[in-house]
Amino acid sequence: ILSMVVTGSGAGGFKSNISPLIAEQYRRTKLFVKTTKRGERVI
C-alpha cells in the first residue's frame, strides 16, 4: 500500500505535464495556407 501511494504520486506529477510538453513542440495555433510538393495550395 505504501508503494502504491509513492508510485501514484510520481505518476501524477508526470501525467499532467508530459503530454502538454510533447504537443507544445508544435507552435502553430491558427489556420494557414501551405503549398505542397505537387504545387497544391492547402489549408
ModelCIF file with pLDDT and N, C-alpha, C, O atoms, coordinates in Angstrom:
data_MODEL
#
_entry.id   MODEL 
#
_entity.id                         1 
_entity.type                       polymer 
_entity.pdbx_number_of_molecules   1 
#
_entity_poly.entity_id                      1 
_entity_poly.type                           'polypeptide(L)' 
_entity_poly.nstd_linkage                   no 
_entity_poly.nstd_monomer                   no 
_entity_poly.pdbx_seq_one_letter_code       ILSMVVTGSGAGGFKSNISPLIAEQYRRTKLFVKTTKRGERVI 
_entity_poly.pdbx_seq_one_letter_code_can   ILSMVVTGSGAGGFKSNISPLIAEQYRRTKLFVKTTKRGERVI 
_entity_poly.pdbx_strand_id                 A 
#
loop_
_entity_poly_seq.entity_id 
_entity_poly_seq.num 
_entity_poly_seq.mon_id 
_entity_poly_seq.hetero 
1 1  ILE n 
1 2  LEU n 
1 3  SER n 
1 4  MET n 
1 5  VAL n 
1 6  VAL n 
1 7  THR n 
1 8  GLY n 
1 9  SER n 
1 10 GLY n 
1 11 ALA n 
1 12 GLY n 
1 13 GLY n 
1 14 PHE n 
1 15 LYS n 
1 16 SER n 
1 17 ASN n 
1 18 ILE n 
1 19 SER n 
1 20 PRO n 
1 21 LEU n 
1 22 ILE n 
1 23 ALA n 
1 24 GLU n 
1 25 GLN n 
1 26 TYR n 
1 27 ARG n 
1 28 ARG n 
1 29 THR n 
1 30 LYS n 
1 31 LEU n 
1 32 PHE n 
1 33 VAL n 
1 34 LYS n 
1 35 THR n 
1 36 THR n 
1 37 LYS n 
1 38 ARG n 
1 39 GLY n 
1 40 GLU n 
1 41 ARG n 
1 42 VAL n 
1 43 ILE n 
#
_struct_asym.id          A 
_struct_asym.entity_id   1 
#
loop_
_ma_qa_metric.id 
_ma_qa_metric.mode 
_ma_qa_metric.name 
_ma_qa_metric.software_group_id 
_ma_qa_metric.type 
1 global pLDDT . pLDDT 
2 local  pLDDT . pLDDT 
#
_ma_qa_metric_global.metric_id      1 
_ma_qa_metric_global.metric_value   77.56 
_ma_qa_metric_global.model_id       1 
_ma_qa_metric_global.ordinal_id     1 
#
loop_
_ma_qa_metric_local.label_asym_id 
_ma_qa_metric_local.label_comp_id 
_ma_qa_metric_local.label_seq_id 
_ma_qa_metric_local.metric_id 
_ma_qa_metric_local.metric_value 
_ma_qa_metric_local.model_id 
_ma_qa_metric_local.ordinal_id 
A ILE 1  2 93.00 1 1  
A LEU 2  2 95.00 1 2  
A SER 3  2 93.00 1 3  
A MET 4  2 92.00 1 4  
A VAL 5  2 94.00 1 5  
A VAL 6  2 95.00 1 6  
A THR 7  2 92.00 1 7  
A GLY 8  2 89.00 1 8  
A SER 9  2 92.00 1 9  
A GLY 10 2 90.00 1 10 
A ALA 11 2 85.00 1 11 
A GLY 12 2 82.00 1 12 
A GLY 13 2 86.00 1 13 
A PHE 14 2 86.00 1 14 
A LYS 15 2 84.00 1 15 
A SER 16 2 85.00 1 16 
A ASN 17 2 86.00 1 17 
A ILE 18 2 83.00 1 18 
A SER 19 2 77.00 1 19 
A PRO 20 2 80.00 1 20 
A LEU 21 2 78.00 1 21 
A ILE 22 2 76.00 1 22 
A ALA 23 2 70.00 1 23 
A GLU 24 2 71.00 1 24 
A GLN 25 2 71.00 1 25 
A TYR 26 2 68.00 1 26 
A ARG 27 2 65.00 1 27 
A ARG 28 2 65.00 1 28 
A THR 29 2 60.00 1 29 
A LYS 30 2 64.00 1 30 
A LEU 31 2 62.00 1 31 
A PHE 32 2 63.00 1 32 
A VAL 33 2 68.00 1 33 
A LYS 34 2 72.00 1 34 
A THR 35 2 70.00 1 35 
A THR 36 2 67.00 1 36 
A LYS 37 2 72.00 1 37 
A ARG 38 2 72.00 1 38 
A GLY 39 2 72.00 1 39 
A GLU 40 2 72.00 1 40 
A ARG 41 2 72.00 1 41 
A VAL 42 2 63.00 1 42 
A ILE 43 2 63.00 1 43 
#
loop_
_atom_site.group_PDB 
_atom_site.id 
_atom_site.type_symbol 
_atom_site.label_atom_id 
_atom_site.label_alt_id 
_atom_site.label_comp_id 
_atom_site.label_asym_id 
_atom_site.label_entity_id 
_atom_site.label_seq_id 
_atom_site.pdbx_PDB_ins_code 
_atom_site.Cartn_x 
_atom_site.Cartn_y 
_atom_site.Cartn_z 
_atom_site.occupancy 
_atom_site.B_iso_or_equiv 
_atom_site.pdbx_formal_charge 
_atom_site.auth_seq_id 
_atom_site.auth_comp_id 
_atom_site.auth_asym_id 
_atom_site.auth_atom_id 
_atom_site.pdbx_PDB_model_num 
ATOM 1   N N  . ILE A 1 1  ? 0.842  -1.206 0.000   1.00 93.00 ? 1  ILE A N  1 
ATOM 2   C CA . ILE A 1 1  ? 0.000  0.000  0.000   1.00 93.00 ? 1  ILE A CA 1 
ATOM 3   C C  . ILE A 1 1  ? 0.876  1.255  0.000   1.00 93.00 ? 1  ILE A C  1 
ATOM 4   O O  . ILE A 1 1  ? 0.570  2.222  -0.697  1.00 93.00 ? 1  ILE A O  1 
ATOM 5   N N  . LEU A 1 2  ? 1.969  1.244  0.780   1.00 95.00 ? 2  LEU A N  1 
ATOM 6   C CA . LEU A 1 2  ? 2.901  2.375  0.766   1.00 95.00 ? 2  LEU A CA 1 
ATOM 7   C C  . LEU A 1 2  ? 3.461  2.598  -0.633  1.00 95.00 ? 2  LEU A C  1 
ATOM 8   O O  . LEU A 1 2  ? 3.574  3.737  -1.085  1.00 95.00 ? 2  LEU A O  1 
ATOM 9   N N  . SER A 1 3  ? 3.811  1.513  -1.319  1.00 93.00 ? 3  SER A N  1 
ATOM 10  C CA . SER A 1 3  ? 4.367  1.639  -2.673  1.00 93.00 ? 3  SER A CA 1 
ATOM 11  C C  . SER A 1 3  ? 3.340  2.236  -3.638  1.00 93.00 ? 3  SER A C  1 
ATOM 12  O O  . SER A 1 3  ? 3.702  3.003  -4.531  1.00 93.00 ? 3  SER A O  1 
ATOM 13  N N  . MET A 1 4  ? 2.072  1.891  -3.463  1.00 92.00 ? 4  MET A N  1 
ATOM 14  C CA . MET A 1 4  ? 1.026  2.447  -4.308  1.00 92.00 ? 4  MET A CA 1 
ATOM 15  C C  . MET A 1 4  ? 0.929  3.969  -4.141  1.00 92.00 ? 4  MET A C  1 
ATOM 16  O O  . MET A 1 4  ? 0.770  4.703  -5.116  1.00 92.00 ? 4  MET A O  1 
ATOM 17  N N  . VAL A 1 5  ? 1.028  4.426  -2.885  1.00 94.00 ? 5  VAL A N  1 
ATOM 18  C CA . VAL A 1 5  ? 0.934  5.859  -2.601  1.00 94.00 ? 5  VAL A CA 1 
ATOM 19  C C  . VAL A 1 5  ? 2.110  6.615  -3.224  1.00 94.00 ? 5  VAL A C  1 
ATOM 20  O O  . VAL A 1 5  ? 1.917  7.653  -3.858  1.00 94.00 ? 5  VAL A O  1 
ATOM 21  N N  . VAL A 1 6  ? 3.326  6.093  -3.044  1.00 95.00 ? 6  VAL A N  1 
ATOM 22  C CA . VAL A 1 6  ? 4.520  6.783  -3.546  1.00 95.00 ? 6  VAL A CA 1 
ATOM 23  C C  . VAL A 1 6  ? 4.563  6.745  -5.076  1.00 95.00 ? 6  VAL A C  1 
ATOM 24  O O  . VAL A 1 6  ? 4.814  7.764  -5.720  1.00 95.00 ? 6  VAL A O  1 
ATOM 25  N N  . THR A 1 7  ? 4.317  5.565  -5.651  1.00 92.00 ? 7  THR A N  1 
ATOM 26  C CA . THR A 1 7  ? 4.349  5.444  -7.113  1.00 92.00 ? 7  THR A CA 1 
ATOM 27  C C  . THR A 1 7  ? 3.267  6.294  -7.759  1.00 92.00 ? 7  THR A C  1 
ATOM 28  O O  . THR A 1 7  ? 3.504  6.933  -8.784  1.00 92.00 ? 7  THR A O  1 
ATOM 29  N N  . GLY A 1 8  ? 2.072  6.303  -7.161  1.00 89.00 ? 8  GLY A N  1 
ATOM 30  C CA . GLY A 1 8  ? 0.988  7.129  -7.695  1.00 89.00 ? 8  GLY A CA 1 
ATOM 31  C C  . GLY A 1 8  ? 1.306  8.607  -7.649  1.00 89.00 ? 8  GLY A C  1 
ATOM 32  O O  . GLY A 1 8  ? 0.904  9.359  -8.537  1.00 89.00 ? 8  GLY A O  1 
ATOM 33  N N  . SER A 1 9  ? 2.034  9.037  -6.609  1.00 92.00 ? 9  SER A N  1 
ATOM 34  C CA . SER A 1 9  ? 2.436  10.449 -6.518  1.00 92.00 ? 9  SER A CA 1 
ATOM 35  C C  . SER A 1 9  ? 3.351  10.824 -7.673  1.00 92.00 ? 9  SER A C  1 
ATOM 36  O O  . SER A 1 9  ? 3.183  11.878 -8.286  1.00 92.00 ? 9  SER A O  1 
ATOM 37  N N  . GLY A 1 10 ? 4.323  9.960  -7.971  1.00 90.00 ? 10 GLY A N  1 
ATOM 38  C CA . GLY A 1 10 ? 5.220  10.228 -9.090  1.00 90.00 ? 10 GLY A CA 1 
ATOM 39  C C  . GLY A 1 10 ? 4.513  10.201 -10.420 1.00 90.00 ? 10 GLY A C  1 
ATOM 40  O O  . GLY A 1 10 ? 4.753  11.050 -11.278 1.00 90.00 ? 10 GLY A O  1 
ATOM 41  N N  . ALA A 1 11 ? 3.632  9.217  -10.598 1.00 85.00 ? 11 ALA A N  1 
ATOM 42  C CA . ALA A 1 11 ? 2.890  9.110  -11.850 1.00 85.00 ? 11 ALA A CA 1 
ATOM 43  C C  . ALA A 1 11 ? 2.022  10.332 -12.074 1.00 85.00 ? 11 ALA A C  1 
ATOM 44  O O  . ALA A 1 11 ? 1.889  10.799 -13.206 1.00 85.00 ? 11 ALA A O  1 
ATOM 45  N N  . GLY A 1 12 ? 1.421  10.862 -10.997 1.00 82.00 ? 12 GLY A N  1 
ATOM 46  C CA . GLY A 1 12 ? 0.559  12.026 -11.130 1.00 82.00 ? 12 GLY A CA 1 
ATOM 47  C C  . GLY A 1 12 ? 1.301  13.250 -11.623 1.00 82.00 ? 12 GLY A C  1 
ATOM 48  O O  . GLY A 1 12 ? 0.826  13.952 -12.516 1.00 82.00 ? 12 GLY A O  1 
ATOM 49  N N  . GLY A 1 13 ? 2.482  13.514 -11.037 1.00 86.00 ? 13 GLY A N  1 
ATOM 50  C CA . GLY A 1 13 ? 3.259  14.660 -11.484 1.00 86.00 ? 13 GLY A CA 1 
ATOM 51  C C  . GLY A 1 13 ? 3.719  14.535 -12.922 1.00 86.00 ? 13 GLY A C  1 
ATOM 52  O O  . GLY A 1 13 ? 3.881  15.540 -13.614 1.00 86.00 ? 13 GLY A O  1 
ATOM 53  N N  . PHE A 1 14 ? 3.930  13.319 -13.373 1.00 86.00 ? 14 PHE A N  1 
ATOM 54  C CA . PHE A 1 14 ? 4.354  13.068 -14.750 1.00 86.00 ? 14 PHE A CA 1 
ATOM 55  C C  . PHE A 1 14 ? 3.196  13.261 -15.726 1.00 86.00 ? 14 PHE A C  1 
ATOM 56  O O  . PHE A 1 14 ? 3.342  13.922 -16.754 1.00 86.00 ? 14 PHE A O  1 
ATOM 57  N N  . LYS A 1 15 ? 2.055  12.682 -15.396 1.00 84.00 ? 15 LYS A N  1 
ATOM 58  C CA . LYS A 1 15 ? 0.935  12.619 -16.328 1.00 84.00 ? 15 LYS A CA 1 
ATOM 59  C C  . LYS A 1 15 ? 0.434  14.001 -16.749 1.00 84.00 ? 15 LYS A C  1 
ATOM 60  O O  . LYS A 1 15 ? 0.123  14.213 -17.921 1.00 84.00 ? 15 LYS A O  1 
ATOM 61  N N  . SER A 1 16 ? 0.353  14.943 -15.805 1.00 85.00 ? 16 SER A N  1 
ATOM 62  C CA . SER A 1 16 ? -0.215 16.247 -16.144 1.00 85.00 ? 16 SER A CA 1 
ATOM 63  C C  . SER A 1 16 ? 0.706  17.097 -16.989 1.00 85.00 ? 16 SER A C  1 
ATOM 64  O O  . SER A 1 16 ? 0.269  18.098 -17.555 1.00 85.00 ? 16 SER A O  1 
ATOM 65  N N  . ASN A 1 17 ? 1.987  16.718 -17.090 1.00 86.00 ? 17 ASN A N  1 
ATOM 66  C CA . ASN A 1 17 ? 2.959  17.585 -17.764 1.00 86.00 ? 17 ASN A CA 1 
ATOM 67  C C  . ASN A 1 17 ? 3.551  17.007 -19.041 1.00 86.00 ? 17 ASN A C  1 
ATOM 68  O O  . ASN A 1 17 ? 3.985  17.763 -19.909 1.00 86.00 ? 17 ASN A O  1 
ATOM 69  N N  . ILE A 1 18 ? 3.579  15.667 -19.178 1.00 83.00 ? 18 ILE A N  1 
ATOM 70  C CA . ILE A 1 18 ? 4.274  15.112 -20.337 1.00 83.00 ? 18 ILE A CA 1 
ATOM 71  C C  . ILE A 1 18 ? 3.544  15.382 -21.649 1.00 83.00 ? 18 ILE A C  1 
ATOM 72  O O  . ILE A 1 18 ? 4.175  15.756 -22.638 1.00 83.00 ? 18 ILE A O  1 
ATOM 73  N N  . SER A 1 19 ? 2.222  15.198 -21.672 1.00 77.00 ? 19 SER A N  1 
ATOM 74  C CA . SER A 1 19 ? 1.519  15.386 -22.943 1.00 77.00 ? 19 SER A CA 1 
ATOM 75  C C  . SER A 1 19 ? 1.478  16.850 -23.382 1.00 77.00 ? 19 SER A C  1 
ATOM 76  O O  . SER A 1 19 ? 1.631  17.100 -24.578 1.00 77.00 ? 19 SER A O  1 
ATOM 77  N N  . PRO A 1 20 ? 1.280  17.854 -22.481 1.00 80.00 ? 20 PRO A N  1 
ATOM 78  C CA . PRO A 1 20 ? 1.394  19.240 -22.948 1.00 80.00 ? 20 PRO A CA 1 
ATOM 79  C C  . PRO A 1 20 ? 2.792  19.572 -23.448 1.00 80.00 ? 20 PRO A C  1 
ATOM 80  O O  . PRO A 1 20 ? 2.942  20.326 -24.409 1.00 80.00 ? 20 PRO A O  1 
ATOM 81  N N  . LEU A 1 21 ? 3.818  19.016 -22.805 1.00 78.00 ? 21 LEU A N  1 
ATOM 82  C CA . LEU A 1 21 ? 5.184  19.290 -23.246 1.00 78.00 ? 21 LEU A CA 1 
ATOM 83  C C  . LEU A 1 21 ? 5.431  18.734 -24.639 1.00 78.00 ? 21 LEU A C  1 
ATOM 84  O O  . LEU A 1 21 ? 6.107  19.368 -25.449 1.00 78.00 ? 21 LEU A O  1 
ATOM 85  N N  . ILE A 1 22 ? 4.889  17.554 -24.926 1.00 76.00 ? 22 ILE A N  1 
ATOM 86  C CA . ILE A 1 22 ? 5.026  16.979 -26.262 1.00 76.00 ? 22 ILE A CA 1 
ATOM 87  C C  . ILE A 1 22 ? 4.324  17.843 -27.294 1.00 76.00 ? 22 ILE A C  1 
ATOM 88  O O  . ILE A 1 22 ? 4.910  18.208 -28.313 1.00 76.00 ? 22 ILE A O  1 
ATOM 89  N N  . ALA A 1 23 ? 3.066  18.168 -27.026 1.00 70.00 ? 23 ALA A N  1 
ATOM 90  C CA . ALA A 1 23 ? 2.261  18.869 -28.036 1.00 70.00 ? 23 ALA A CA 1 
ATOM 91  C C  . ALA A 1 23 ? 2.753  20.285 -28.286 1.00 70.00 ? 23 ALA A C  1 
ATOM 92  O O  . ALA A 1 23 ? 2.611  20.794 -29.398 1.00 70.00 ? 23 ALA A O  1 
ATOM 93  N N  . GLU A 1 24 ? 3.334  20.942 -27.270 1.00 71.00 ? 24 GLU A N  1 
ATOM 94  C CA . GLU A 1 24 ? 3.746  22.323 -27.479 1.00 71.00 ? 24 GLU A CA 1 
ATOM 95  C C  . GLU A 1 24 ? 5.071  22.429 -28.244 1.00 71.00 ? 24 GLU A C  1 
ATOM 96  O O  . GLU A 1 24 ? 5.541  23.539 -28.496 1.00 71.00 ? 24 GLU A O  1 
ATOM 97  N N  . GLN A 1 25 ? 5.678  21.304 -28.615 1.00 71.00 ? 25 GLN A N  1 
ATOM 98  C CA . GLN A 1 25 ? 6.806  21.372 -29.549 1.00 71.00 ? 25 GLN A CA 1 
ATOM 99  C C  . GLN A 1 25 ? 6.333  21.869 -30.912 1.00 71.00 ? 25 GLN A C  1 
ATOM 100 O O  . GLN A 1 25 ? 7.125  22.370 -31.711 1.00 71.00 ? 25 GLN A O  1 
ATOM 101 N N  . TYR A 1 26 ? 5.027  21.723 -31.169 1.00 68.00 ? 26 TYR A N  1 
ATOM 102 C CA . TYR A 1 26 ? 4.418  22.274 -32.385 1.00 68.00 ? 26 TYR A CA 1 
ATOM 103 C C  . TYR A 1 26 ? 3.767  23.596 -32.007 1.00 68.00 ? 26 TYR A C  1 
ATOM 104 O O  . TYR A 1 26 ? 2.836  23.612 -31.201 1.00 68.00 ? 26 TYR A O  1 
ATOM 105 N N  . ARG A 1 27 ? 4.235  24.710 -32.572 1.00 65.00 ? 27 ARG A N  1 
ATOM 106 C CA . ARG A 1 27 ? 3.847  26.032 -32.104 1.00 65.00 ? 27 ARG A CA 1 
ATOM 107 C C  . ARG A 1 27 ? 2.755  26.710 -32.937 1.00 65.00 ? 27 ARG A C  1 
ATOM 108 O O  . ARG A 1 27 ? 2.305  27.796 -32.570 1.00 65.00 ? 27 ARG A O  1 
ATOM 109 N N  . ARG A 1 28 ? 2.324  26.117 -34.025 1.00 65.00 ? 28 ARG A N  1 
ATOM 110 C CA . ARG A 1 28 ? 1.260  26.737 -34.811 1.00 65.00 ? 28 ARG A CA 1 
ATOM 111 C C  . ARG A 1 28 ? -0.046 26.705 -34.024 1.00 65.00 ? 28 ARG A C  1 
ATOM 112 O O  . ARG A 1 28 ? -0.356 25.711 -33.367 1.00 65.00 ? 28 ARG A O  1 
ATOM 113 N N  . THR A 1 29 ? -0.817 27.800 -34.092 1.00 60.00 ? 29 THR A N  1 
ATOM 114 C CA . THR A 1 29 ? -2.093 27.850 -33.385 1.00 60.00 ? 29 THR A CA 1 
ATOM 115 C C  . THR A 1 29 ? -3.266 28.235 -34.281 1.00 60.00 ? 29 THR A C  1 
ATOM 116 O O  . THR A 1 29 ? -4.420 28.066 -33.886 1.00 60.00 ? 29 THR A O  1 
ATOM 117 N N  . LYS A 1 30 ? -2.991 28.756 -35.494 1.00 64.00 ? 30 LYS A N  1 
ATOM 118 C CA . LYS A 1 30 ? -4.072 29.209 -36.376 1.00 64.00 ? 30 LYS A CA 1 
ATOM 119 C C  . LYS A 1 30 ? -3.972 28.546 -37.738 1.00 64.00 ? 30 LYS A C  1 
ATOM 120 O O  . LYS A 1 30 ? -2.921 28.036 -38.127 1.00 64.00 ? 30 LYS A O  1 
ATOM 121 N N  . LEU A 1 31 ? -5.086 28.564 -38.452 1.00 62.00 ? 31 LEU A N  1 
ATOM 122 C CA . LEU A 1 31 ? -5.101 28.034 -39.812 1.00 62.00 ? 31 LEU A CA 1 
ATOM 123 C C  . LEU A 1 31 ? -4.102 28.785 -40.681 1.00 62.00 ? 31 LEU A C  1 
ATOM 124 O O  . LEU A 1 31 ? -3.948 29.999 -40.551 1.00 62.00 ? 31 LEU A O  1 
ATOM 125 N N  . PHE A 1 32 ? -3.417 28.056 -41.576 1.00 63.00 ? 32 PHE A N  1 
ATOM 126 C CA . PHE A 1 32 ? -2.511 28.717 -42.524 1.00 63.00 ? 32 PHE A CA 1 
ATOM 127 C C  . PHE A 1 32 ? -2.508 27.941 -43.838 1.00 63.00 ? 32 PHE A C  1 
ATOM 128 O O  . PHE A 1 32 ? -2.898 26.774 -43.893 1.00 63.00 ? 32 PHE A O  1 
ATOM 129 N N  . VAL A 1 33 ? -2.058 28.618 -44.893 1.00 68.00 ? 33 VAL A N  1 
ATOM 130 C CA . VAL A 1 33 ? -2.030 28.024 -46.233 1.00 68.00 ? 33 VAL A CA 1 
ATOM 131 C C  . VAL A 1 33 ? -0.626 27.525 -46.530 1.00 68.00 ? 33 VAL A C  1 
ATOM 132 O O  . VAL A 1 33 ? 0.363  28.213 -46.279 1.00 68.00 ? 33 VAL A O  1 
ATOM 133 N N  . LYS A 1 34 ? -0.559 26.306 -47.073 1.00 72.00 ? 34 LYS A N  1 
ATOM 134 C CA . LYS A 1 34 ? 0.728  25.695 -47.388 1.00 72.00 ? 34 LYS A CA 1 
ATOM 135 C C  . LYS A 1 34 ? 0.690  25.161 -48.818 1.00 72.00 ? 34 LYS A C  1 
ATOM 136 O O  . LYS A 1 34 ? -0.334 24.657 -49.279 1.00 72.00 ? 34 LYS A O  1 
ATOM 137 N N  . THR A 1 35 ? 1.814  25.278 -49.508 1.00 70.00 ? 35 THR A N  1 
ATOM 138 C CA . THR A 1 35 ? 1.921  24.749 -50.873 1.00 70.00 ? 35 THR A CA 1 
ATOM 139 C C  . THR A 1 35 ? 2.619  23.393 -50.815 1.00 70.00 ? 35 THR A C  1 
ATOM 140 O O  . THR A 1 35 ? 3.738  23.293 -50.313 1.00 70.00 ? 35 THR A O  1 
ATOM 141 N N  . THR A 1 36 ? 1.966  22.355 -51.322 1.00 67.00 ? 36 THR A N  1 
ATOM 142 C CA . THR A 1 36 ? 2.525  21.003 -51.285 1.00 67.00 ? 36 THR A CA 1 
ATOM 143 C C  . THR A 1 36 ? 3.583  20.839 -52.369 1.00 67.00 ? 36 THR A C  1 
ATOM 144 O O  . THR A 1 36 ? 3.763  21.720 -53.211 1.00 67.00 ? 36 THR A O  1 
ATOM 145 N N  . LYS A 1 37 ? 4.290  19.693 -52.343 1.00 72.00 ? 37 LYS A N  1 
ATOM 146 C CA . LYS A 1 37 ? 5.316  19.415 -53.338 1.00 72.00 ? 37 LYS A CA 1 
ATOM 147 C C  . LYS A 1 37 ? 4.728  19.332 -54.739 1.00 72.00 ? 37 LYS A C  1 
ATOM 148 O O  . LYS A 1 37 ? 5.433  19.554 -55.724 1.00 72.00 ? 37 LYS A O  1 
ATOM 149 N N  . ARG A 1 38 ? 3.430  19.011 -54.835 1.00 72.00 ? 38 ARG A N  1 
ATOM 150 C CA . ARG A 1 38 ? 2.767  18.930 -56.136 1.00 72.00 ? 38 ARG A CA 1 
ATOM 151 C C  . ARG A 1 38 ? 2.213  20.268 -56.591 1.00 72.00 ? 38 ARG A C  1 
ATOM 152 O O  . ARG A 1 38 ? 1.541  20.351 -57.619 1.00 72.00 ? 38 ARG A O  1 
ATOM 153 N N  . GLY A 1 39 ? 2.494  21.319 -55.823 1.00 72.00 ? 39 GLY A N  1 
ATOM 154 C CA . GLY A 1 39 ? 2.058  22.646 -56.203 1.00 72.00 ? 39 GLY A CA 1 
ATOM 155 C C  . GLY A 1 39 ? 0.649  23.002 -55.751 1.00 72.00 ? 39 GLY A C  1 
ATOM 156 O O  . GLY A 1 39 ? 0.137  24.060 -56.115 1.00 72.00 ? 39 GLY A O  1 
ATOM 157 N N  . GLU A 1 40 ? 0.023  22.151 -54.976 1.00 72.00 ? 40 GLU A N  1 
ATOM 158 C CA . GLU A 1 40 ? -1.326 22.432 -54.489 1.00 72.00 ? 40 GLU A CA 1 
ATOM 159 C C  . GLU A 1 40 ? -1.262 23.331 -53.260 1.00 72.00 ? 40 GLU A C  1 
ATOM 160 O O  . GLU A 1 40 ? -0.397 23.167 -52.400 1.00 72.00 ? 40 GLU A O  1 
ATOM 161 N N  . ARG A 1 41 ? -2.181 24.272 -53.190 1.00 72.00 ? 41 ARG A N  1 
ATOM 162 C CA . ARG A 1 41 ? -2.298 25.133 -52.017 1.00 72.00 ? 41 ARG A CA 1 
ATOM 163 C C  . ARG A 1 41 ? -3.390 24.554 -51.120 1.00 72.00 ? 41 ARG A C  1 
ATOM 164 O O  . ARG A 1 41 ? -4.547 24.435 -51.525 1.00 72.00 ? 41 ARG A O  1 
ATOM 165 N N  . VAL A 1 42 ? -3.002 24.197 -49.894 1.00 63.00 ? 42 VAL A N  1 
ATOM 166 C CA . VAL A 1 42 ? -3.944 23.565 -48.971 1.00 63.00 ? 42 VAL A CA 1 
ATOM 167 C C  . VAL A 1 42 ? -3.979 24.356 -47.669 1.00 63.00 ? 42 VAL A C  1 
ATOM 168 O O  . VAL A 1 42 ? -3.025 25.046 -47.311 1.00 63.00 ? 42 VAL A O  1 
ATOM 169 N N  . ILE A 1 43 ? -5.098 24.238 -46.977 1.00 63.00 ? 43 ILE A N  1 
ATOM 170 C CA . ILE A 1 43 ? -5.245 24.866 -45.662 1.00 63.00 ? 43 ILE A CA 1 
ATOM 171 C C  . ILE A 1 43 ? -4.852 23.842 -44.601 1.00 63.00 ? 43 ILE A C  1 
ATOM 172 O O  . ILE A 1 43 ? -4.895 24.142 -43.408 1.00 63.00 ? 43 ILE A O  1 
#
